[in-house]
Amino acid sequence: MVRATPRSTGRHPKSPARRLTQTSCALCRDKVQWVDYKNINLLRRYMSDRGKIRARSATGNCVRHQGEVSVAIKTARELVLLPRGDNKPTTTEPLEMAGATRGGRS
């Protein structure tokens, strides 16, 4: 049995104008050999205002440089050069002294 016409999938063919333009990695463009954990100004560009590491899709980094950036940020956090991403209290006081008696309860 021979088909006269192929079945349609119901989808329109994708137009070439619809393709997304891929941004090149800024670190590749600048020919950065390695990402140094001591370069705080560079690392802050790849962190949010809350201290989280930005995603690769948001920064436009290649896989290699995004991995190097994340390792450098984590190393700088260990050495207390950069803030941590969590907003947990860092006090060692007991909870009642740290203001945990909210809502009028005692």
PDB file of N, CA and C in Angstrom:
ATOM      1  N   MET A   1       0.828  -1.167   0.000  1.00  0.00           N
ATOM      2  CA  MET A   1       0.000   0.000   0.000  1.00  0.00           C
ATOM      3  C   MET A   1       0.884   1.246   0.000  1.00  0.00           C
ATOM      4  N   VAL A   2       0.640   2.162  -0.874  1.00  0.00           N
ATOM      5  CA  VAL A   2       1.437   3.370  -1.046  1.00  0.00           C
ATOM      6  C   VAL A   2       0.593   4.575  -0.648  1.00  0.00           C
ATOM      7  N   ARG A   3       1.176   5.408   0.206  1.00  0.00           N
ATOM      8  CA  ARG A   3       0.476   6.617   0.620  1.00  0.00           C
ATOM      9  C   ARG A   3       0.676   7.720  -0.398  1.00  0.00           C
ATOM     10  N   ALA A   4      -0.358   8.464  -0.634  1.00  0.00           N
ATOM     11  CA  ALA A   4      -0.263   9.554  -1.590  1.00  0.00           C
ATOM     12  C   ALA A   4       0.399  10.789  -0.954  1.00  0.00           C
ATOM     13  N   THR A   5      -0.006  11.135   0.292  1.00  0.00           N
ATOM     14  CA  THR A   5       0.562  12.301   0.954  1.00  0.00           C
ATOM     15  C   THR A   5       0.935  11.924   2.380  1.00  0.00           C
ATOM     16  N   PRO A   6       2.001  12.482   2.902  1.00  0.00           N
ATOM     17  CA  PRO A   6       2.356  12.179   4.291  1.00  0.00           C
ATOM     18  C   PRO A   6       1.370  12.848   5.254  1.00  0.00           C
ATOM     19  N   ARG A   7       1.253  12.262   6.415  1.00  0.00           N
ATOM     20  CA  ARG A   7       0.344  12.825   7.415  1.00  0.00           C
ATOM     21  C   ARG A   7       0.915  14.125   7.959  1.00  0.00           C
ATOM     22  N   SER A   8       0.041  15.023   8.246  1.00  0.00           N
ATOM     23  CA  SER A   8       0.456  16.296   8.818  1.00  0.00           C
ATOM     24  C   SER A   8       0.475  16.176  10.332  1.00  0.00           C
ATOM     25  N   THR A   9       1.460  16.774  10.944  1.00  0.00           N
ATOM     26  CA  THR A   9       1.534  16.751  12.401  1.00  0.00           C
ATOM     27  C   THR A   9       0.699  17.859  13.025  1.00  0.00           C
ATOM     28  N   GLY A  10       0.191  18.770  12.211  1.00  0.00           N
ATOM     29  CA  GLY A  10      -0.624  19.851  12.727  1.00  0.00           C
ATOM     30  C   GLY A  10       0.186  21.041  13.191  1.00  0.00           C
ATOM     31  N   ARG A  11       1.512  20.973  13.051  1.00  0.00           N
ATOM     32  CA  ARG A  11       2.363  22.070  13.493  1.00  0.00           C
ATOM     33  C   ARG A  11       2.892  22.820  12.285  1.00  0.00           C
ATOM     34  N   HIS A  12       3.090  24.089  12.466  1.00  0.00           N
ATOM     35  CA  HIS A  12       3.673  24.891  11.403  1.00  0.00           C
ATOM     36  C   HIS A  12       5.183  24.728  11.437  1.00  0.00           C
ATOM     37  N   PRO A  13       5.830  24.783  10.295  1.00  0.00           N
ATOM     38  CA  PRO A  13       7.296  24.696  10.309  1.00  0.00           C
ATOM     39  C   PRO A  13       7.884  25.919  11.010  1.00  0.00           C
ATOM     40  N   LYS A  14       8.983  25.718  11.693  1.00  0.00           N
ATOM     41  CA  LYS A  14       9.616  26.802  12.438  1.00  0.00           C
ATOM     42  C   LYS A  14      10.303  27.759  11.471  1.00  0.00           C
ATOM     43  N   SER A  15      10.101  29.016  11.702  1.00  0.00           N
ATOM     44  CA  SER A  15      10.733  30.008  10.843  1.00  0.00           C
ATOM     45  C   SER A  15      12.144  30.294  11.362  1.00  0.00           C
ATOM     46  N   PRO A  16      13.085  30.599  10.479  1.00  0.00           N
ATOM     47  CA  PRO A  16      14.449  30.880  10.923  1.00  0.00           C
ATOM     48  C   PRO A  16      14.538  32.159  11.760  1.00  0.00           C
ATOM     49  N   ALA A  17      13.592  33.076  11.604  1.00  0.00           N
ATOM     50  CA  ALA A  17      13.623  34.316  12.385  1.00  0.00           C
ATOM     51  C   ALA A  17      13.272  34.064  13.844  1.00  0.00           C
ATOM     52  N   ARG A  18      12.683  32.924  14.127  1.00  0.00           N
ATOM     53  CA  ARG A  18      12.248  32.611  15.479  1.00  0.00           C
ATOM     54  C   ARG A  18      13.363  32.037  16.334  1.00  0.00           C
ATOM     55  N   ARG A  19      14.456  31.659  15.715  1.00  0.00           N
ATOM     56  CA  ARG A  19      15.563  31.077  16.464  1.00  0.00           C
ATOM     57  C   ARG A  19      16.130  32.094  17.440  1.00  0.00           C
ATOM     58  N   LEU A  20      16.543  31.607  18.598  1.00  0.00           N
ATOM     59  CA  LEU A  20      17.125  32.487  19.594  1.00  0.00           C
ATOM     60  C   LEU A  20      18.595  32.714  19.274  1.00  0.00           C
ATOM     61  N   THR A  21      19.036  33.925  19.488  1.00  0.00           N
ATOM     62  CA  THR A  21      20.449  34.199  19.275  1.00  0.00           C
ATOM     63  C   THR A  21      21.208  33.788  20.525  1.00  0.00           C
ATOM     64  N   GLN A  22      22.243  33.037  20.348  1.00  0.00           N
ATOM     65  CA  GLN A  22      23.018  32.529  21.464  1.00  0.00           C
ATOM     66  C   GLN A  22      24.086  33.551  21.826  1.00  0.00           C
ATOM     67  N   THR A  23      24.098  33.957  23.101  1.00  0.00           N
ATOM     68  CA  THR A  23      25.104  34.915  23.536  1.00  0.00           C
ATOM     69  C   THR A  23      26.409  34.169  23.806  1.00  0.00           C
ATOM     70  N   SER A  24      27.479  34.807  23.442  1.00  0.00           N
ATOM     71  CA  SER A  24      28.765  34.168  23.675  1.00  0.00           C
ATOM     72  C   SER A  24      29.205  34.438  25.107  1.00  0.00           C
ATOM     73  N   CYS A  25      30.026  33.578  25.617  1.00  0.00           N
ATOM     74  CA  CYS A  25      30.496  33.677  26.993  1.00  0.00           C
ATOM     75  C   CYS A  25      31.424  34.883  27.119  1.00  0.00           C
ATOM     76  N   ALA A  26      31.164  35.733  28.115  1.00  0.00           N
ATOM     77  CA  ALA A  26      31.990  36.931  28.312  1.00  0.00           C
ATOM     78  C   ALA A  26      33.408  36.557  28.712  1.00  0.00           C
ATOM     79  N   LEU A  27      33.562  35.450  29.417  1.00  0.00           N
ATOM     80  CA  LEU A  27      34.896  35.030  29.841  1.00  0.00           C
ATOM     81  C   LEU A  27      35.685  34.456  28.669  1.00  0.00           C
ATOM     82  N   CYS A  28      35.002  33.782  27.753  1.00  0.00           N
ATOM     83  CA  CYS A  28      35.678  33.301  26.538  1.00  0.00           C
ATOM     84  C   CYS A  28      36.064  34.484  25.654  1.00  0.00           C
ATOM     85  N   ARG A  29      35.178  35.474  25.565  1.00  0.00           N
ATOM     86  CA  ARG A  29      35.445  36.648  24.754  1.00  0.00           C
ATOM     87  C   ARG A  29      36.664  37.415  25.272  1.00  0.00           C
ATOM     88  N   ASP A  30      36.811  37.495  26.598  1.00  0.00           N
ATOM     89  CA  ASP A  30      37.937  38.194  27.200  1.00  0.00           C
ATOM     90  C   ASP A  30      39.181  37.314  27.326  1.00  0.00           C
ATOM     91  N   LYS A  31      39.073  36.068  26.887  1.00  0.00           N
ATOM     92  CA  LYS A  31      40.174  35.096  26.914  1.00  0.00           C
ATOM     93  C   LYS A  31      40.723  34.899  28.327  1.00  0.00           C
ATOM     94  N   VAL A  32      39.804  34.671  29.279  1.00  0.00           N
ATOM     95  CA  VAL A  32      40.175  34.414  30.667  1.00  0.00           C
ATOM     96  C   VAL A  32      40.656  32.974  30.766  1.00  0.00           C
ATOM     97  N   GLN A  33      41.862  32.765  31.245  1.00  0.00           N
ATOM     98  CA  GLN A  33      42.421  31.423  31.347  1.00  0.00           C
ATOM     99  C   GLN A  33      41.787  30.644  32.494  1.00  0.00           C
ATOM    100  N   TRP A  34      41.648  31.286  33.665  1.00  0.00           N
ATOM    101  CA  TRP A  34      40.998  30.648  34.799  1.00  0.00           C
ATOM    102  C   TRP A  34      40.299  31.727  35.621  1.00  0.00           C
ATOM    103  N   VAL A  35      39.319  31.323  36.377  1.00  0.00           N
ATOM    104  CA  VAL A  35      38.577  32.247  37.226  1.00  0.00           C
ATOM    105  C   VAL A  35      39.184  32.164  38.618  1.00  0.00           C
ATOM    106  N   ASP A  36      39.722  33.272  39.090  1.00  0.00           N
ATOM    107  CA  ASP A  36      40.405  33.302  40.371  1.00  0.00           C
ATOM    108  C   ASP A  36      39.406  33.629  41.473  1.00  0.00           C
ATOM    109  N   TYR A  37      39.478  32.912  42.577  1.00  0.00           N
ATOM    110  CA  TYR A  37      38.546  33.130  43.680  1.00  0.00           C
ATOM    111  C   TYR A  37      38.819  34.446  44.396  1.00  0.00           C
ATOM    112  N   LYS A  38      39.981  35.063  44.162  1.00  0.00           N
ATOM    113  CA  LYS A  38      40.319  36.334  44.808  1.00  0.00           C
ATOM    114  C   LYS A  38      39.814  37.540  44.023  1.00  0.00           C
ATOM    115  N   ASN A  39      39.319  37.317  42.818  1.00  0.00           N
ATOM    116  CA  ASN A  39      38.798  38.398  41.984  1.00  0.00           C
ATOM    117  C   ASN A  39      37.323  38.624  42.344  1.00  0.00           C
ATOM    118  N   ILE A  40      37.102  39.371  43.420  1.00  0.00           N
ATOM    119  CA  ILE A  40      35.770  39.534  43.978  1.00  0.00           C
ATOM    120  C   ILE A  40      34.865  40.329  43.042  1.00  0.00           C
ATOM    121  N   ASN A  41      35.409  41.328  42.355  1.00  0.00           N
ATOM    122  CA  ASN A  41      34.588  42.142  41.452  1.00  0.00           C
ATOM    123  C   ASN A  41      34.018  41.301  40.324  1.00  0.00           C
ATOM    124  N   LEU A  42      34.793  40.387  39.791  1.00  0.00           N
ATOM    125  CA  LEU A  42      34.308  39.502  38.738  1.00  0.00           C
ATOM    126  C   LEU A  42      33.252  38.536  39.276  1.00  0.00           C
ATOM    127  N   LEU A  43      33.494  37.979  40.452  1.00  0.00           N
ATOM    128  CA  LEU A  43      32.569  36.984  41.007  1.00  0.00           C
ATOM    129  C   LEU A  43      31.236  37.603  41.402  1.00  0.00           C
ATOM    130  N   ARG A  44      31.241  38.858  41.836  1.00  0.00           N
ATOM    131  CA  ARG A  44      29.979  39.515  42.215  1.00  0.00           C
ATOM    132  C   ARG A  44      29.051  39.704  41.027  1.00  0.00           C
ATOM    133  N   ARG A  45      29.611  39.768  39.817  1.00  0.00           N
ATOM    134  CA  ARG A  45      28.770  39.878  38.613  1.00  0.00           C
ATOM    135  C   ARG A  45      27.945  38.620  38.392  1.00  0.00           C
ATOM    136  N   TYR A  46      28.414  37.495  38.900  1.00  0.00           N
ATOM    137  CA  TYR A  46      27.735  36.221  38.691  1.00  0.00           C
ATOM    138  C   TYR A  46      26.949  35.774  39.912  1.00  0.00           C
ATOM    139  N   MET A  47      26.681  36.712  40.832  1.00  0.00           N
ATOM    140  CA  MET A  47      25.878  36.427  42.012  1.00  0.00           C
ATOM    141  C   MET A  47      24.674  37.348  42.044  1.00  0.00           C
ATOM    142  N   SER A  48      23.565  36.862  42.621  1.00  0.00           N
ATOM    143  CA  SER A  48      22.400  37.720  42.790  1.00  0.00           C
ATOM    144  C   SER A  48      22.613  38.624  43.987  1.00  0.00           C
ATOM    145  N   ASP A  49      21.682  39.537  44.221  1.00  0.00           N
ATOM    146  CA  ASP A  49      21.818  40.445  45.352  1.00  0.00           C
ATOM    147  C   ASP A  49      21.642  39.725  46.683  1.00  0.00           C
ATOM    148  N   ARG A  50      21.075  38.527  46.650  1.00  0.00           N
ATOM    149  CA  ARG A  50      20.906  37.740  47.869  1.00  0.00           C
ATOM    150  C   ARG A  50      22.070  36.774  48.094  1.00  0.00           C
ATOM    151  N   GLY A  51      23.055  36.784  47.209  1.00  0.00           N
ATOM    152  CA  GLY A  51      24.240  35.962  47.396  1.00  0.00           C
ATOM    153  C   GLY A  51      24.182  34.615  46.710  1.00  0.00           C
ATOM    154  N   LYS A  52      23.184  34.387  45.863  1.00  0.00           N
ATOM    155  CA  LYS A  52      23.071  33.103  45.171  1.00  0.00           C
ATOM    156  C   LYS A  52      23.816  33.154  43.844  1.00  0.00           C
ATOM    157  N   ILE A  53      24.284  32.012  43.394  1.00  0.00           N
ATOM    158  CA  ILE A  53      24.982  31.924  42.114  1.00  0.00           C
ATOM    159  C   ILE A  53      23.942  31.966  41.000  1.00  0.00           C
ATOM    160  N   ARG A  54      24.143  32.866  40.033  1.00  0.00           N
ATOM    161  CA  ARG A  54      23.205  32.979  38.920  1.00  0.00           C
ATOM    162  C   ARG A  54      23.341  31.781  37.982  1.00  0.00           C
ATOM    163  N   ALA A  55      22.253  31.439  37.349  1.00  0.00           N
ATOM    164  CA  ALA A  55      22.222  30.288  36.443  1.00  0.00           C
ATOM    165  C   ALA A  55      22.992  30.596  35.159  1.00  0.00           C
ATOM    166  N   ARG A  56      23.394  29.549  34.494  1.00  0.00           N
ATOM    167  CA  ARG A  56      24.147  29.677  33.257  1.00  0.00           C
ATOM    168  C   ARG A  56      23.310  30.351  32.175  1.00  0.00           C
ATOM    169  N   SER A  57      22.011  30.074  32.168  1.00  0.00           N
ATOM    170  CA  SER A  57      21.144  30.681  31.164  1.00  0.00           C
ATOM    171  C   SER A  57      21.003  32.185  31.396  1.00  0.00           C
ATOM    172  N   ALA A  58      21.134  32.628  32.636  1.00  0.00           N
ATOM    173  CA  ALA A  58      21.021  34.053  32.943  1.00  0.00           C
ATOM    174  C   ALA A  58      22.324  34.795  32.669  1.00  0.00           C
ATOM    175  N   THR A  59      23.452  34.145  32.890  1.00  0.00           N
ATOM    176  CA  THR A  59      24.740  34.815  32.721  1.00  0.00           C
ATOM    177  C   THR A  59      25.276  34.694  31.311  1.00  0.00           C
ATOM    178  N   GLY A  60      24.900  33.642  30.598  1.00  0.00           N
ATOM    179  CA  GLY A  60      25.406  33.440  29.247  1.00  0.00           C
ATOM    180  C   GLY A  60      26.767  32.789  29.208  1.00  0.00           C
ATOM    181  N   ASN A  61      27.193  32.189  30.307  1.00  0.00           N
ATOM    182  CA  ASN A  61      28.495  31.534  30.355  1.00  0.00           C
ATOM    183  C   ASN A  61      28.464  30.196  29.633  1.00  0.00           C
ATOM    184  N   CYS A  62      29.627  29.753  29.177  1.00  0.00           N
ATOM    185  CA  CYS A  62      29.742  28.407  28.645  1.00  0.00           C
ATOM    186  C   CYS A  62      29.839  27.437  29.827  1.00  0.00           C
ATOM    187  N   VAL A  63      29.777  26.161  29.551  1.00  0.00           N
ATOM    188  CA  VAL A  63      29.767  25.150  30.612  1.00  0.00           C
ATOM    189  C   VAL A  63      31.057  25.203  31.423  1.00  0.00           C
ATOM    190  N   ARG A  64      32.169  25.323  30.731  1.00  0.00           N
ATOM    191  CA  ARG A  64      33.471  25.318  31.410  1.00  0.00           C
ATOM    192  C   ARG A  64      33.596  26.504  32.366  1.00  0.00           C
ATOM    193  N   HIS A  65      33.284  27.693  31.883  1.00  0.00           N
ATOM    194  CA  HIS A  65      33.452  28.868  32.717  1.00  0.00           C
ATOM    195  C   HIS A  65      32.406  28.950  33.819  1.00  0.00           C
ATOM    196  N   GLN A  66      31.186  28.451  33.586  1.00  0.00           N
ATOM    197  CA  GLN A  66      30.186  28.452  34.647  1.00  0.00           C
ATOM    198  C   GLN A  66      30.625  27.536  35.790  1.00  0.00           C
ATOM    199  N   GLY A  67      31.241  26.420  35.456  1.00  0.00           N
ATOM    200  CA  GLY A  67      31.763  25.534  36.491  1.00  0.00           C
ATOM    201  C   GLY A  67      32.894  26.187  37.272  1.00  0.00           C
ATOM    202  N   GLU A  68      33.777  26.884  36.566  1.00  0.00           N
ATOM    203  CA  GLU A  68      34.880  27.565  37.238  1.00  0.00           C
ATOM    204  C   GLU A  68      34.371  28.702  38.120  1.00  0.00           C
ATOM    205  N   VAL A  69      33.354  29.424  37.648  1.00  0.00           N
ATOM    206  CA  VAL A  69      32.782  30.512  38.439  1.00  0.00           C
ATOM    207  C   VAL A  69      32.150  29.973  39.712  1.00  0.00           C
ATOM    208  N   SER A  70      31.405  28.882  39.597  1.00  0.00           N
ATOM    209  CA  SER A  70      30.731  28.338  40.782  1.00  0.00           C
ATOM    210  C   SER A  70      31.739  27.811  41.798  1.00  0.00           C
ATOM    211  N   VAL A  71      32.808  27.166  41.338  1.00  0.00           N
ATOM    212  CA  VAL A  71      33.840  26.684  42.262  1.00  0.00           C
ATOM    213  C   VAL A  71      34.564  27.859  42.916  1.00  0.00           C
ATOM    214  N   ALA A  72      34.836  28.918  42.143  1.00  0.00           N
ATOM    215  CA  ALA A  72      35.515  30.087  42.694  1.00  0.00           C
ATOM    216  C   ALA A  72      34.642  30.798  43.722  1.00  0.00           C
ATOM    217  N   ILE A  73      33.332  30.887  43.465  1.00  0.00           N
ATOM    218  CA  ILE A  73      32.422  31.521  44.424  1.00  0.00           C
ATOM    219  C   ILE A  73      32.350  30.694  45.703  1.00  0.00           C
ATOM    220  N   LYS A  74      32.283  29.387  45.565  1.00  0.00           N
ATOM    221  CA  LYS A  74      32.218  28.528  46.748  1.00  0.00           C
ATOM    222  C   LYS A  74      33.513  28.609  47.557  1.00  0.00           C
ATOM    223  N   THR A  75      34.647  28.703  46.881  1.00  0.00           N
ATOM    224  CA  THR A  75      35.920  28.843  47.580  1.00  0.00           C
ATOM    225  C   THR A  75      36.002  30.187  48.291  1.00  0.00           C
ATOM    226  N   ALA A  76      35.543  31.246  47.628  1.00  0.00           N
ATOM    227  CA  ALA A  76      35.560  32.572  48.246  1.00  0.00           C
ATOM    228  C   ALA A  76      34.610  32.631  49.442  1.00  0.00           C
ATOM    229  N   ARG A  77      33.517  31.890  49.394  1.00  0.00           N
ATOM    230  CA  ARG A  77      32.617  31.820  50.544  1.00  0.00           C
ATOM    231  C   ARG A  77      33.289  31.113  51.716  1.00  0.00           C
ATOM    232  N   GLU A  78      34.023  30.071  51.425  1.00  0.00           N
ATOM    233  CA  GLU A  78      34.717  29.344  52.489  1.00  0.00           C
ATOM    234  C   GLU A  78      35.735  30.238  53.188  1.00  0.00           C
ATOM    235  N   LEU A  79      36.386  31.107  52.428  1.00  0.00           N
ATOM    236  CA  LEU A  79      37.392  32.002  52.977  1.00  0.00           C
ATOM    237  C   LEU A  79      36.791  33.333  53.436  1.00  0.00           C
ATOM    238  N   VAL A  80      35.481  33.428  53.472  1.00  0.00           N
ATOM    239  CA  VAL A  80      34.702  34.583  53.924  1.00  0.00           C
ATOM    240  C   VAL A  80      35.048  35.844  53.121  1.00  0.00           C
ATOM    241  N   LEU A  81      35.317  35.681  51.843  1.00  0.00           N
ATOM    242  CA  LEU A  81      35.508  36.822  50.961  1.00  0.00           C
ATOM    243  C   LEU A  81      34.179  37.277  50.370  1.00  0.00           C
ATOM    244  N   LEU A  82      33.218  36.349  50.289  1.00  0.00           N
ATOM    245  CA  LEU A  82      31.885  36.629  49.765  1.00  0.00           C
ATOM    246  C   LEU A  82      30.845  36.161  50.772  1.00  0.00           C
ATOM    247  N   PRO A  83      29.651  36.771  50.751  1.00  0.00           N
ATOM    248  CA  PRO A  83      28.605  36.327  51.676  1.00  0.00           C
ATOM    249  C   PRO A  83      27.999  35.007  51.237  1.00  0.00           C
ATOM    250  N   ARG A  84      27.409  34.315  52.186  1.00  0.00           N
ATOM    251  CA  ARG A  84      26.724  33.067  51.877  1.00  0.00           C
ATOM    252  C   ARG A  84      25.378  33.365  51.244  1.00  0.00           C
ATOM    253  N   GLY A  85      24.804  32.378  50.586  1.00  0.00           N
ATOM    254  CA  GLY A  85      23.528  32.564  49.910  1.00  0.00           C
ATOM    255  C   GLY A  85      22.328  32.481  50.827  1.00  0.00           C
ATOM    256  N   ASP A  86      22.466  31.834  51.981  1.00  0.00           N
ATOM    257  CA  ASP A  86      21.322  31.689  52.868  1.00  0.00           C
ATOM    258  C   ASP A  86      21.243  32.880  53.818  1.00  0.00           C
ATOM    259  N   ASN A  87      20.065  33.132  54.311  1.00  0.00           N
ATOM    260  CA  ASN A  87      19.856  34.245  55.223  1.00  0.00           C
ATOM    261  C   ASN A  87      19.583  33.737  56.627  1.00  0.00           C
ATOM    262  N   LYS A  88      20.278  32.723  57.035  1.00  0.00           N
ATOM    263  CA  LYS A  88      20.097  32.157  58.359  1.00  0.00           C
ATOM    264  C   LYS A  88      20.818  33.020  59.390  1.00  0.00           C
ATOM    265  N   PRO A  89      20.267  33.118  60.577  1.00  0.00           N
ATOM    266  CA  PRO A  89      20.967  33.900  61.602  1.00  0.00           C
ATOM    267  C   PRO A  89      22.262  33.205  62.009  1.00  0.00           C
ATOM    268  N   THR A  90      23.273  34.003  62.255  1.00  0.00           N
ATOM    269  CA  THR A  90      24.580  33.438  62.602  1.00  0.00           C
ATOM    270  C   THR A  90      24.923  33.659  64.066  1.00  0.00           C
ATOM    271  N   THR A  91      23.940  34.072  64.876  1.00  0.00           N
ATOM    272  CA  THR A  91      24.219  34.323  66.283  1.00  0.00           C
ATOM    273  C   THR A  91      24.266  33.014  67.047  1.00  0.00           C
ATOM    274  N   THR A  92      25.009  33.030  68.122  1.00  0.00           N
ATOM    275  CA  THR A  92      25.089  31.853  68.985  1.00  0.00           C
ATOM    276  C   THR A  92      24.327  32.080  70.285  1.00  0.00           C
ATOM    277  N   GLU A  93      23.546  33.186  70.341  1.00  0.00           N
ATOM    278  CA  GLU A  93      22.758  33.480  71.529  1.00  0.00           C
ATOM    279  C   GLU A  93      21.576  32.526  71.615  1.00  0.00           C
ATOM    280  N   PRO A  94      21.062  32.284  72.802  1.00  0.00           N
ATOM    281  CA  PRO A  94      19.830  31.510  72.913  1.00  0.00           C
ATOM    282  C   PRO A  94      18.684  32.233  72.229  1.00  0.00           C
ATOM    283  N   LEU A  95      17.675  31.493  71.806  1.00  0.00           N
ATOM    284  CA  LEU A  95      16.592  32.075  71.035  1.00  0.00           C
ATOM    285  C   LEU A  95      15.846  33.164  71.789  1.00  0.00           C
ATOM    286  N   GLU A  96      15.648  33.029  73.110  1.00  0.00           N
ATOM    287  CA  GLU A  96      14.897  34.054  73.826  1.00  0.00           C
ATOM    288  C   GLU A  96      15.676  35.359  73.911  1.00  0.00           C
ATOM    289  N   MET A  97      16.988  35.297  73.845  1.00  0.00           N
ATOM    290  CA  MET A  97      17.790  36.516  73.871  1.00  0.00           C
ATOM    291  C   MET A  97      17.892  37.137  72.483  1.00  0.00           C
ATOM    292  N   ALA A  98      17.741  36.356  71.440  1.00  0.00           N
ATOM    293  CA  ALA A  98      17.890  36.851  70.065  1.00  0.00           C
ATOM    294  C   ALA A  98      16.609  37.468  69.546  1.00  0.00           C
ATOM    295  N   GLY A  99      15.572  37.610  70.379  1.00  0.00           N
ATOM    296  CA  GLY A  99      14.334  38.247  69.934  1.00  0.00           C
ATOM    297  C   GLY A  99      13.335  37.259  69.382  1.00  0.00           C
ATOM    298  N   ALA A 100      13.315  36.050  69.853  1.00  0.00           N
ATOM    299  CA  ALA A 100      12.404  35.040  69.326  1.00  0.00           C
ATOM    300  C   ALA A 100      11.045  35.084  70.029  1.00  0.00           C
ATOM    301  N   THR A 101      10.860  36.003  70.958  1.00  0.00           N
ATOM    302  CA  THR A 101       9.578  36.092  71.659  1.00  0.00           C
ATOM    303  C   THR A 101       8.693  37.103  70.950  1.00  0.00           C
ATOM    304  N   ARG A 102       8.248  36.753  69.733  1.00  0.00           N
ATOM    305  CA  ARG A 102       7.393  37.635  68.945  1.00  0.00           C
ATOM    306  C   ARG A 102       5.930  37.348  69.251  1.00  0.00           C
ATOM    307  N   GLY A 103       5.096  38.287  68.910  1.00  0.00           N
ATOM    308  CA  GLY A 103       3.653  38.084  69.010  1.00  0.00           C
ATOM    309  C   GLY A 103       3.115  38.253  70.406  1.00  0.00           C
ATOM    310  N   GLY A 104       3.858  38.814  71.315  1.00  0.00           N
ATOM    311  CA  GLY A 104       3.378  39.055  72.665  1.00  0.00           C
ATOM    312  C   GLY A 104       3.426  37.844  73.559  1.00  0.00           C
ATOM    313  N   ARG A 105       3.921  36.720  73.049  1.00  0.00           N
ATOM    314  CA  ARG A 105       4.037  35.534  73.889  1.00  0.00           C
ATOM    315  C   ARG A 105       5.325  35.582  74.682  1.00  0.00           C
ATOM    316  N   SER A 106       5.317  34.986  75.878  1.00  0.00           N
ATOM    317  CA  SER A 106       6.550  34.966  76.649  1.00  0.00           C
ATOM    318  C   SER A 106       6.903  33.570  77.082  1.00  0.00           C
TER     319      SER A 106
END
